[in-house]
């Protein structure tokens, strides 16, 4: 198939892509992330900073993070049910 056989009109339009039901989440800007980590470190909940770090470093979903059992998070690995 050569260039002479290529379609002369546009084949794919923006409206051909499906719309998402809601926008994708945005990342946290660095200053917001820093303030959040500081607030978590000041929190009386000792697990909060660790869990947030686990979320940030691994990309685990919040629902998966909340479902973790206490013994699931070890020193160098995490057991996530999928």
C-alpha atoms as a PDB file:
ATOM      1  CA  UNK A   1       0.000   0.000   0.000  1.00  0.00           C
ATOM      2  CA  UNK A   2       1.618   3.211  -1.120  1.00  0.00           C
ATOM      3  CA  UNK A   3       0.931   6.839  -0.295  1.00  0.00           C
ATOM      4  CA  UNK A   4      -1.357   7.153  -3.302  1.00  0.00           C
ATOM      5  CA  UNK A   5      -3.745   4.724  -1.579  1.00  0.00           C
ATOM      6  CA  UNK A   6      -3.755   6.577   1.748  1.00  0.00           C
ATOM      7  CA  UNK A   7      -7.059   8.212   2.702  1.00  0.00           C
ATOM      8  CA  UNK A   8      -7.244  11.899   1.868  1.00  0.00           C
ATOM      9  CA  UNK A   9      -9.528  12.768   4.762  1.00  0.00           C
ATOM     10  CA  UNK A  10      -8.933  12.680   8.494  1.00  0.00           C
ATOM     11  CA  UNK A  11      -9.814   9.310  10.050  1.00  0.00           C
ATOM     12  CA  UNK A  12      -9.672   9.939  13.806  1.00  0.00           C
ATOM     13  CA  UNK A  13     -11.382  12.839  15.555  1.00  0.00           C
ATOM     14  CA  UNK A  14     -11.294  14.045  19.161  1.00  0.00           C
ATOM     15  CA  UNK A  15     -14.946  13.048  19.602  1.00  0.00           C
ATOM     16  CA  UNK A  16     -13.960   9.431  18.800  1.00  0.00           C
ATOM     17  CA  UNK A  17     -12.279   9.100  22.218  1.00  0.00           C
ATOM     18  CA  UNK A  18     -14.652   8.175  25.039  1.00  0.00           C
ATOM     19  CA  UNK A  19     -15.137  10.749  27.777  1.00  0.00           C
ATOM     20  CA  UNK A  20     -14.185   9.703  31.268  1.00  0.00           C
ATOM     21  CA  UNK A  21     -17.061   9.806  33.770  1.00  0.00           C
ATOM     22  CA  UNK A  22     -14.976  12.139  35.925  1.00  0.00           C
ATOM     23  CA  UNK A  23     -11.535  13.725  35.638  1.00  0.00           C
ATOM     24  CA  UNK A  24      -8.446  11.773  36.655  1.00  0.00           C
ATOM     25  CA  UNK A  25      -6.912  12.715  40.008  1.00  0.00           C
ATOM     26  CA  UNK A  26      -4.115  15.261  39.900  1.00  0.00           C
ATOM     27  CA  UNK A  27      -0.761  14.900  41.610  1.00  0.00           C
ATOM     28  CA  UNK A  28      -0.010  16.884  44.743  1.00  0.00           C
ATOM     29  CA  UNK A  29       2.233  19.887  44.145  1.00  0.00           C
ATOM     30  CA  UNK A  30       5.512  19.601  46.114  1.00  0.00           C
ATOM     31  CA  UNK A  31       4.611  22.284  48.683  1.00  0.00           C
ATOM     32  CA  UNK A  32       1.212  20.666  49.381  1.00  0.00           C
ATOM     33  CA  UNK A  33       2.847  17.247  49.659  1.00  0.00           C
ATOM     34  CA  UNK A  34       5.414  18.620  52.130  1.00  0.00           C
ATOM     35  CA  UNK A  35       2.693  20.257  54.280  1.00  0.00           C
ATOM     36  CA  UNK A  36       0.662  17.040  54.260  1.00  0.00           C
ATOM     37  CA  UNK A  37       3.649  14.966  55.377  1.00  0.00           C
ATOM     38  CA  UNK A  38       4.417  17.488  58.139  1.00  0.00           C
ATOM     39  CA  UNK A  39       0.802  17.366  59.337  1.00  0.00           C
ATOM     40  CA  UNK A  40       0.845  13.568  59.324  1.00  0.00           C
ATOM     41  CA  UNK A  41       4.105  13.492  61.278  1.00  0.00           C
ATOM     42  CA  UNK A  42       2.528  15.790  63.900  1.00  0.00           C
ATOM     43  CA  UNK A  43      -0.557  13.562  64.046  1.00  0.00           C
ATOM     44  CA  UNK A  44      -1.156  11.455  67.169  1.00  0.00           C
ATOM     45  CA  UNK A  45      -1.697   8.476  64.830  1.00  0.00           C
ATOM     46  CA  UNK A  46       1.801   7.000  64.585  1.00  0.00           C
ATOM     47  CA  UNK A  47       0.959   4.900  61.516  1.00  0.00           C
ATOM     48  CA  UNK A  48      -0.270   7.783  59.348  1.00  0.00           C
ATOM     49  CA  UNK A  49       3.112   9.016  58.012  1.00  0.00           C
ATOM     50  CA  UNK A  50       4.262   5.463  57.308  1.00  0.00           C
ATOM     51  CA  UNK A  51       1.074   4.551  55.478  1.00  0.00           C
ATOM     52  CA  UNK A  52       1.153   7.747  53.430  1.00  0.00           C
ATOM     53  CA  UNK A  53       4.795   7.076  52.491  1.00  0.00           C
ATOM     54  CA  UNK A  54       3.839   3.538  51.484  1.00  0.00           C
ATOM     55  CA  UNK A  55       1.056   4.947  49.312  1.00  0.00           C
ATOM     56  CA  UNK A  56       3.363   7.494  47.658  1.00  0.00           C
ATOM     57  CA  UNK A  57       6.268   5.126  47.076  1.00  0.00           C
ATOM     58  CA  UNK A  58       4.332   2.119  45.801  1.00  0.00           C
ATOM     59  CA  UNK A  59       1.284   3.625  44.136  1.00  0.00           C
ATOM     60  CA  UNK A  60      -0.975   1.261  46.080  1.00  0.00           C
ATOM     61  CA  UNK A  61      -4.603   2.341  45.877  1.00  0.00           C
ATOM     62  CA  UNK A  62      -6.090   4.019  48.950  1.00  0.00           C
ATOM     63  CA  UNK A  63      -8.705   1.255  49.261  1.00  0.00           C
ATOM     64  CA  UNK A  64      -5.954  -1.393  49.225  1.00  0.00           C
ATOM     65  CA  UNK A  65      -3.986   0.604  51.772  1.00  0.00           C
ATOM     66  CA  UNK A  66      -6.974   0.860  54.105  1.00  0.00           C
ATOM     67  CA  UNK A  67      -7.621  -2.885  53.767  1.00  0.00           C
ATOM     68  CA  UNK A  68      -4.089  -3.864  54.837  1.00  0.00           C
ATOM     69  CA  UNK A  69      -3.871  -5.959  57.955  1.00  0.00           C
ATOM     70  CA  UNK A  70      -1.397  -4.860  60.607  1.00  0.00           C
ATOM     71  CA  UNK A  71       0.932  -7.783  59.926  1.00  0.00           C
ATOM     72  CA  UNK A  72       0.840  -7.218  56.146  1.00  0.00           C
ATOM     73  CA  UNK A  73       3.389  -4.403  56.150  1.00  0.00           C
ATOM     74  CA  UNK A  74       6.859  -5.617  56.953  1.00  0.00           C
ATOM     75  CA  UNK A  75      10.220  -3.906  56.937  1.00  0.00           C
ATOM     76  CA  UNK A  76      10.903  -4.243  53.210  1.00  0.00           C
ATOM     77  CA  UNK A  77       7.699  -5.570  51.624  1.00  0.00           C
ATOM     78  CA  UNK A  78       3.932  -5.321  51.723  1.00  0.00           C
ATOM     79  CA  UNK A  79       1.358  -8.019  51.080  1.00  0.00           C
ATOM     80  CA  UNK A  80      -1.567  -6.544  49.100  1.00  0.00           C
ATOM     81  CA  UNK A  81      -4.596  -8.598  48.170  1.00  0.00           C
ATOM     82  CA  UNK A  82      -5.674  -7.986  44.596  1.00  0.00           C
END
